[in-house]
C-alpha atoms as a PDB file:
ATOM      1  CA  MET A   1      47.605  -5.316 -49.673  1.00  0.00           C
ATOM      2  CA  LEU A   2      50.614  -6.268 -51.391  1.00  0.00           C
ATOM      3  CA  GLU A   3      52.426  -3.610 -49.297  1.00  0.00           C
ATOM      4  CA  LEU A   4      51.224  -4.570 -45.989  1.00  0.00           C
ATOM      5  CA  VAL A   5      52.473  -7.765 -46.637  1.00  0.00           C
ATOM      6  CA  LYS A   6      56.011  -6.380 -47.459  1.00  0.00           C
ATOM      7  CA  ALA A   7      55.770  -4.665 -44.464  1.00  0.00           C
ATOM      8  CA  GLY A   8      54.752  -7.070 -41.964  1.00  0.00           C
ATOM      9  CA  GLY A   9      56.034  -9.864 -43.527  1.00  0.00           C
ATOM     10  CA  TRP A  10      54.785 -13.570 -44.204  1.00  0.00           C
ATOM     11  CA  PRO A  11      52.925 -13.190 -40.901  1.00  0.00           C
ATOM     12  CA  MET A  12      50.568 -10.990 -42.537  1.00  0.00           C
ATOM     13  CA  ILE A  13      49.482 -13.982 -45.029  1.00  0.00           C
ATOM     14  CA  PRO A  14      47.357 -15.892 -42.222  1.00  0.00           C
ATOM     15  CA  LEU A  15      46.122 -12.572 -41.299  1.00  0.00           C
ATOM     16  CA  LEU A  16      44.748 -11.428 -44.343  1.00  0.00           C
ATOM     17  CA  LEU A  17      43.298 -14.978 -44.632  1.00  0.00           C
ATOM     18  CA  LEU A  18      41.619 -14.459 -41.490  1.00  0.00           C
ATOM     19  CA  SER A  19      40.149 -11.501 -42.514  1.00  0.00           C
ATOM     20  CA  VAL A  20      38.312 -12.857 -45.788  1.00  0.00           C
ATOM     21  CA  LEU A  21      37.267 -15.540 -43.311  1.00  0.00           C
ATOM     22  CA  ALA A  22      35.672 -12.986 -40.981  1.00  0.00           C
ATOM     23  CA  LEU A  23      34.284 -10.713 -43.565  1.00  0.00           C
ATOM     24  CA  THR A  24      32.438 -14.114 -44.899  1.00  0.00           C
ATOM     25  CA  LEU A  25      30.767 -15.308 -42.007  1.00  0.00           C
ATOM     26  CA  ILE A  26      29.924 -11.622 -40.828  1.00  0.00           C
ATOM     27  CA  VAL A  27      27.782 -11.206 -43.969  1.00  0.00           C
ATOM     28  CA  GLU A  28      26.328 -14.974 -44.373  1.00  0.00           C
ATOM     29  CA  ARG A  29      25.455 -14.643 -40.281  1.00  0.00           C
ATOM     30  CA  ALA A  30      23.839 -11.049 -40.841  1.00  0.00           C
ATOM     31  CA  TRP A  31      21.816 -12.281 -43.946  1.00  0.00           C
ATOM     32  CA  SER A  32      20.850 -15.591 -42.032  1.00  0.00           C
ATOM     33  CA  LEU A  33      19.813 -13.682 -38.965  1.00  0.00           C
ATOM     34  CA  ARG A  34      17.867 -11.507 -39.688  1.00  0.00           C
ATOM     35  CA  ARG A  35      14.283 -10.951 -37.610  1.00  0.00           C
ATOM     36  CA  THR A  36      12.227 -11.586 -40.961  1.00  0.00           C
ATOM     37  CA  ALA A  37      13.980 -14.441 -41.644  1.00  0.00           C
ATOM     38  CA  VAL A  38      14.016 -15.813 -38.061  1.00  0.00           C
ATOM     39  CA  LEU A  39      11.021 -14.547 -36.794  1.00  0.00           C
ATOM     40  CA  PRO A  40       8.198 -13.115 -39.309  1.00  0.00           C
ATOM     41  CA  PRO A  41       5.519 -10.861 -38.779  1.00  0.00           C
ATOM     42  CA  ASN A  42       2.395 -11.912 -37.603  1.00  0.00           C
ATOM     43  CA  LEU A  43       3.215 -15.636 -37.740  1.00  0.00           C
ATOM     44  CA  GLY A  44       2.415 -16.435 -34.322  1.00  0.00           C
ATOM     45  CA  LYS A  45      -0.302 -14.898 -34.128  1.00  0.00           C
ATOM     46  CA  GLU A  46      -1.804 -16.494 -37.967  1.00  0.00           C
ATOM     47  CA  VAL A  47      -0.733 -19.987 -36.150  1.00  0.00           C
ATOM     48  CA  ARG A  48      -2.829 -19.252 -33.340  1.00  0.00           C
ATOM     49  CA  THR A  49      -5.748 -18.672 -35.246  1.00  0.00           C
ATOM     50  CA  TRP A  50      -5.291 -21.971 -37.092  1.00  0.00           C
ATOM     51  CA  ALA A  51      -4.936 -23.725 -33.853  1.00  0.00           C
ATOM     52  CA  GLY A  52      -7.800 -22.403 -32.332  1.00  0.00           C
ATOM     53  CA  SER A  53     -10.051 -23.089 -35.377  1.00  0.00           C
ATOM     54  CA  GLY A  54      -9.018 -26.623 -35.539  1.00  0.00           C
ATOM     55  CA  LYS A  55      -7.972 -25.937 -39.274  1.00  0.00           C
ATOM     56  CA  LEU A  56      -4.721 -28.125 -38.958  1.00  0.00           C
ATOM     57  CA  ASP A  57      -3.611 -30.924 -40.869  1.00  0.00           C
ATOM     58  CA  PRO A  58      -0.223 -32.489 -41.759  1.00  0.00           C
ATOM     59  CA  ALA A  59       0.213 -30.827 -44.969  1.00  0.00           C
ATOM     60  CA  HIS A  60      -0.403 -27.477 -43.591  1.00  0.00           C
ATOM     61  CA  ILE A  61       2.140 -27.984 -40.417  1.00  0.00           C
ATOM     62  CA  GLU A  62       4.918 -29.076 -42.536  1.00  0.00           C
ATOM     63  CA  SER A  63       4.507 -26.294 -44.816  1.00  0.00           C
ATOM     64  CA  LEU A  64       4.969 -24.031 -41.525  1.00  0.00           C
ATOM     65  CA  ARG A  65       7.461 -26.272 -40.269  1.00  0.00           C
ATOM     66  CA  LYS A  66       9.776 -24.711 -43.295  1.00  0.00           C
ATOM     67  CA  THR A  67       9.216 -21.410 -43.354  1.00  0.00           C
ATOM     68  CA  SER A  68      11.497 -20.082 -40.678  1.00  0.00           C
ATOM     69  CA  PRO A  69      13.124 -21.179 -37.414  1.00  0.00           C
ATOM     70  CA  LEU A  70      10.202 -19.623 -34.986  1.00  0.00           C
ATOM     71  CA  GLY A  71       7.637 -22.006 -38.013  1.00  0.00           C
ATOM     72  CA  GLU A  72       9.642 -24.864 -37.065  1.00  0.00           C
ATOM     73  CA  LEU A  73       9.281 -24.601 -33.194  1.00  0.00           C
ATOM     74  CA  LEU A  74       5.605 -23.801 -33.856  1.00  0.00           C
ATOM     75  CA  ALA A  75       5.537 -26.611 -35.943  1.00  0.00           C
ATOM     76  CA  ALA A  76       6.450 -28.967 -33.341  1.00  0.00           C
ATOM     77  CA  ALA A  77       4.289 -28.261 -30.347  1.00  0.00           C
ATOM     78  CA  LEU A  78       1.446 -28.873 -33.109  1.00  0.00           C
ATOM     79  CA  ASP A  79       2.726 -32.099 -34.106  1.00  0.00           C
ATOM     80  CA  VAL A  80       1.612 -32.931 -30.487  1.00  0.00           C
ATOM     81  CA  ARG A  81      -0.893 -30.823 -29.829  1.00  0.00           C
ATOM     82  CA  LEU A  82      -3.180 -33.259 -28.702  1.00  0.00           C
ATOM     83  CA  ARG A  83      -1.054 -33.969 -26.006  1.00  0.00           C
ATOM     84  CA  PRO A  84      -0.385 -32.969 -22.170  1.00  0.00           C
ATOM     85  CA  ARG A  85       1.337 -29.656 -21.735  1.00  0.00           C
ATOM     86  CA  ASP A  86       4.607 -30.833 -19.929  1.00  0.00           C
ATOM     87  CA  GLN A  87       4.870 -33.179 -22.808  1.00  0.00           C
ATOM     88  CA  ILE A  88       4.275 -30.199 -25.161  1.00  0.00           C
ATOM     89  CA  ARG A  89       6.788 -28.482 -23.450  1.00  0.00           C
ATOM     90  CA  GLU A  90       9.252 -30.998 -23.417  1.00  0.00           C
ATOM     91  CA  ARG A  91       9.328 -31.085 -27.451  1.00  0.00           C
ATOM     92  CA  ILE A  92       9.273 -27.061 -27.626  1.00  0.00           C
ATOM     93  CA  GLU A  93      12.556 -27.399 -25.552  1.00  0.00           C
ATOM     94  CA  ASP A  94      14.379 -30.449 -27.758  1.00  0.00           C
ATOM     95  CA  VAL A  95      13.295 -28.383 -30.889  1.00  0.00           C
ATOM     96  CA  GLY A  96      14.515 -24.995 -29.227  1.00  0.00           C
ATOM     97  CA  ARG A  97      18.164 -26.335 -28.377  1.00  0.00           C
ATOM     98  CA  HIS A  98      18.359 -27.586 -31.989  1.00  0.00           C
ATOM     99  CA  LEU A  99      17.383 -24.488 -33.478  1.00  0.00           C
ATOM    100  CA  VAL A 100      20.125 -22.708 -30.916  1.00  0.00           C
ATOM    101  CA  HIS A 101      22.243 -24.274 -32.422  1.00  0.00           C
ATOM    102  CA  LYS A 102      21.852 -23.656 -36.018  1.00  0.00           C
ATOM    103  CA  MET A 103      21.586 -20.275 -35.801  1.00  0.00           C
ATOM    104  CA  GLU A 104      24.770 -20.571 -33.750  1.00  0.00           C
ATOM    105  CA  ARG A 105      26.323 -21.980 -36.344  1.00  0.00           C
ATOM    106  CA  TYR A 106      30.109 -20.254 -37.593  1.00  0.00           C
ATOM    107  CA  LEU A 107      29.722 -17.885 -34.072  1.00  0.00           C
ATOM    108  CA  ASN A 108      32.815 -20.577 -32.409  1.00  0.00           C
ATOM    109  CA  THR A 109      34.722 -19.759 -36.016  1.00  0.00           C
ATOM    110  CA  LEU A 110      34.113 -16.253 -35.625  1.00  0.00           C
ATOM    111  CA  GLY A 111      35.194 -15.971 -31.786  1.00  0.00           C
ATOM    112  CA  THR A 112      38.103 -18.067 -32.432  1.00  0.00           C
ATOM    113  CA  ILE A 113      39.171 -15.727 -35.684  1.00  0.00           C
ATOM    114  CA  ALA A 114      38.797 -12.765 -32.924  1.00  0.00           C
ATOM    115  CA  ALA A 115      40.605 -14.457 -30.195  1.00  0.00           C
ATOM    116  CA  ALA A 116      43.945 -15.757 -33.082  1.00  0.00           C
ATOM    117  CA  GLY A 117      43.981 -12.428 -34.623  1.00  0.00           C
ATOM    118  CA  PRO A 118      45.909 -10.205 -32.149  1.00  0.00           C
ATOM    119  CA  LEU A 119      48.288 -13.766 -30.852  1.00  0.00           C
ATOM    120  CA  LEU A 120      49.273 -13.834 -34.627  1.00  0.00           C
ATOM    121  CA  GLY A 121      49.905 -10.242 -35.215  1.00  0.00           C
ATOM    122  CA  LEU A 122      51.954 -10.471 -32.277  1.00  0.00           C
ATOM    123  CA  PHE A 123      53.832 -13.256 -33.325  1.00  0.00           C
ATOM    124  CA  GLY A 124      54.735 -11.615 -36.681  1.00  0.00           C
ATOM    125  CA  THR A 125      55.946  -8.473 -34.525  1.00  0.00           C
ATOM    126  CA  VAL A 126      58.196 -10.919 -32.593  1.00  0.00           C
ATOM    127  CA  VAL A 127      59.200 -12.655 -35.870  1.00  0.00           C
ATOM    128  CA  GLY A 128      60.342  -9.434 -37.013  1.00  0.00           C
ATOM    129  CA  MET A 129      62.181  -7.943 -34.001  1.00  0.00           C
ATOM    130  CA  ILE A 130      64.058 -11.399 -33.740  1.00  0.00           C
ATOM    131  CA  GLN A 131      64.869 -10.864 -37.390  1.00  0.00           C
ATOM    132  CA  MET A 132      65.898  -6.902 -36.597  1.00  0.00           C
ATOM    133  CA  PHE A 133      67.894  -7.849 -33.627  1.00  0.00           C
ATOM    134  CA  LEU A 134      70.018 -10.245 -35.459  1.00  0.00           C
ATOM    135  CA  GLY A 135      70.962  -8.272 -38.210  1.00  0.00           C
ATOM    136  CA  ILE A 136      71.803  -5.940 -35.334  1.00  0.00           C
ATOM    137  CA  LEU A 137      73.970  -8.484 -34.172  1.00  0.00           C
ATOM    138  CA  ASP A 138      75.406  -9.144 -37.464  1.00  0.00           C
ATOM    139  CA  HIS A 139      76.278  -5.506 -38.998  1.00  0.00           C
ATOM    140  CA  GLY A 140      75.685  -3.301 -35.873  1.00  0.00           C
ATOM    141  CA  ILE A 141      72.751  -0.728 -34.970  1.00  0.00           C
ATOM    142  CA  GLY A 142      74.019   1.250 -38.411  1.00  0.00           C
ATOM    143  CA  ASP A 143      71.319   4.219 -38.992  1.00  0.00           C
ATOM    144  CA  VAL A 144      69.103   4.826 -36.214  1.00  0.00           C
ATOM    145  CA  ASN A 145      66.235   5.697 -38.475  1.00  0.00           C
ATOM    146  CA  GLN A 146      66.914   2.478 -40.694  1.00  0.00           C
ATOM    147  CA  LEU A 147      66.310   1.315 -36.846  1.00  0.00           C
ATOM    148  CA  ALA A 148      63.223   2.882 -36.234  1.00  0.00           C
ATOM    149  CA  GLY A 149      61.678   1.967 -39.744  1.00  0.00           C
ATOM    150  CA  GLY A 150      62.175  -2.062 -38.699  1.00  0.00           C
ATOM    151  CA  ILE A 151      60.630  -1.075 -35.383  1.00  0.00           C
ATOM    152  CA  GLY A 152      57.611   0.534 -37.165  1.00  0.00           C
ATOM    153  CA  LYS A 153      57.634  -2.369 -39.960  1.00  0.00           C
ATOM    154  CA  ALA A 154      57.631  -5.225 -36.575  1.00  0.00           C
ATOM    155  CA  LEU A 155      54.784  -3.700 -35.264  1.00  0.00           C
ATOM    156  CA  VAL A 156      52.443  -3.595 -38.576  1.00  0.00           C
ATOM    157  CA  CYS A 157      51.308  -7.081 -37.449  1.00  0.00           C
ATOM    158  CA  THR A 158      50.119  -6.057 -34.383  1.00  0.00           C
ATOM    159  CA  ALA A 159      48.180  -3.202 -35.980  1.00  0.00           C
ATOM    160  CA  ALA A 160      46.726  -5.822 -38.266  1.00  0.00           C
ATOM    161  CA  GLY A 161      45.830  -8.134 -35.792  1.00  0.00           C
ATOM    162  CA  MET A 162      43.849  -5.687 -33.693  1.00  0.00           C
ATOM    163  CA  ILE A 163      41.898  -4.909 -37.126  1.00  0.00           C
ATOM    164  CA  VAL A 164      40.857  -8.579 -37.856  1.00  0.00           C
ATOM    165  CA  ALA A 165      39.933  -9.309 -34.381  1.00  0.00           C
ATOM    166  CA  ILE A 166      37.999  -5.991 -33.081  1.00  0.00           C
ATOM    167  CA  PRO A 167      35.400  -6.357 -35.801  1.00  0.00           C
ATOM    168  CA  ALA A 168      35.161 -10.579 -35.211  1.00  0.00           C
ATOM    169  CA  LEU A 169      34.504  -9.782 -31.495  1.00  0.00           C
ATOM    170  CA  ILE A 170      32.446  -7.278 -32.062  1.00  0.00           C
ATOM    171  CA  ALA A 171      30.440  -9.027 -34.381  1.00  0.00           C
ATOM    172  CA  HIS A 172      30.424 -12.122 -32.279  1.00  0.00           C
ATOM    173  CA  ARG A 173      29.118 -10.446 -29.294  1.00  0.00           C
ATOM    174  CA  TRP A 174      26.344  -9.098 -31.384  1.00  0.00           C
ATOM    175  CA  PHE A 175      25.063 -11.205 -32.857  1.00  0.00           C
ATOM    176  CA  ARG A 176      25.010 -13.618 -29.440  1.00  0.00           C
ATOM    177  CA  GLY A 177      22.751 -10.959 -28.414  1.00  0.00           C
ATOM    178  CA  ARG A 178      20.638 -10.954 -31.194  1.00  0.00           C
ATOM    179  CA  ILE A 179      20.125 -15.050 -31.100  1.00  0.00           C
ATOM    180  CA  GLY A 180      19.287 -14.036 -27.422  1.00  0.00           C
ATOM    181  CA  GLU A 181      16.489 -11.815 -28.067  1.00  0.00           C
ATOM    182  CA  TYR A 182      14.906 -14.240 -30.571  1.00  0.00           C
ATOM    183  CA  ILE A 183      14.908 -17.187 -28.303  1.00  0.00           C
ATOM    184  CA  VAL A 184      13.275 -14.993 -25.823  1.00  0.00           C
ATOM    185  CA  SER A 185      10.710 -13.634 -28.707  1.00  0.00           C
ATOM    186  CA  MET A 186      10.241 -17.613 -30.154  1.00  0.00           C
ATOM    187  CA  GLU A 187       9.654 -18.799 -26.190  1.00  0.00           C
ATOM    188  CA  HIS A 188       7.256 -16.304 -25.679  1.00  0.00           C
ATOM    189  CA  GLU A 189       4.889 -17.312 -29.199  1.00  0.00           C
ATOM    190  CA  ALA A 190       5.438 -20.701 -28.028  1.00  0.00           C
ATOM    191  CA  ILE A 191       3.391 -20.423 -24.732  1.00  0.00           C
ATOM    192  CA  ALA A 192       1.032 -18.310 -26.142  1.00  0.00           C
ATOM    193  CA  LEU A 193       0.458 -21.903 -28.785  1.00  0.00           C
ATOM    194  CA  MET A 194       0.280 -23.669 -25.469  1.00  0.00           C
ATOM    195  CA  ASP A 195      -2.089 -21.645 -24.281  1.00  0.00           C
ATOM    196  CA  THR A 196      -3.985 -21.293 -27.370  1.00  0.00           C
ATOM    197  CA  LEU A 197      -3.818 -25.365 -27.745  1.00  0.00           C
ATOM    198  CA  GLU A 198      -5.351 -25.459 -24.163  1.00  0.00           C
ATOM    199  CA  THR A 199      -8.784 -24.157 -25.130  1.00  0.00           C
ATOM    200  CA  ARG A 200      -9.195 -26.787 -27.805  1.00  0.00           C
ATOM    201  CA  PRO A 201     -12.760 -28.530 -27.375  1.00  0.00           C
ATOM    202  CA  ALA A 202     -12.937 -30.588 -24.815  1.00  0.00           C
ATOM    203  CA  GLY A 203     -13.729 -33.589 -27.123  1.00  0.00           C
ATOM    204  CA  ALA A 204     -10.238 -33.804 -28.574  1.00  0.00           C
ATOM    205  CA  VAL A 205      -9.002 -36.979 -28.264  1.00  0.00           C
ATOM    206  CA  ARG A 206      -5.657 -37.598 -26.973  1.00  0.00           C
ATOM    207  CA  THR A 207      -2.653 -39.551 -28.120  1.00  0.00           C
ATOM    208  CA  PRO A 208      -2.646 -43.034 -25.807  1.00  0.00           C
ATOM    209  CA  GLN A 209       0.060 -42.916 -22.960  1.00  0.00           C
ATOM    210  CA  ALA A 210       2.662 -45.636 -22.515  1.00  0.00           C
ATOM    211  CA  ALA A 211       2.202 -47.693 -19.973  1.00  0.00           C
END
């Protein structure tokens, strides 16, 4: 690593810091966005069974809310289960937007790293080339092999910037696609729960509507 800093000069330092930050964010998001953590298997079916049998109480719903993002979404629907379907849908959409924001945490930072990496690398290369040509201006061309080596060292920053940016960009796109898949699955489970709630006994008491 010290050799890379020597080869690329001081512009390599922010690139190395960005690489560490990108790796940290990728590991954190990969752990947080595990499918079992977001969409626990059979949770939707279990909740529909609870709703169909009427075995629901505030403590039960609160426990569900803490299990996962899917559990939080379904708990939001159960909170207003006695209201009309359109009001239940509105609550689901509101909570869903909040959950999407939580799942997309740090992705903007990862996207910024993917965009800034090549620019920082190019900046380092430009700085290196300027220093090299200023040296030529003061001392002449000298050894051609030494000149080629100077150009190679300047280009190290560009290569380093791409090495940082490419994995960050791939991870950013992959996480966004995964979140999109989760959203579709969560919407499906929420709709299925609303269908189950509509089959509740006709005598169920609805909450009073505002005049």
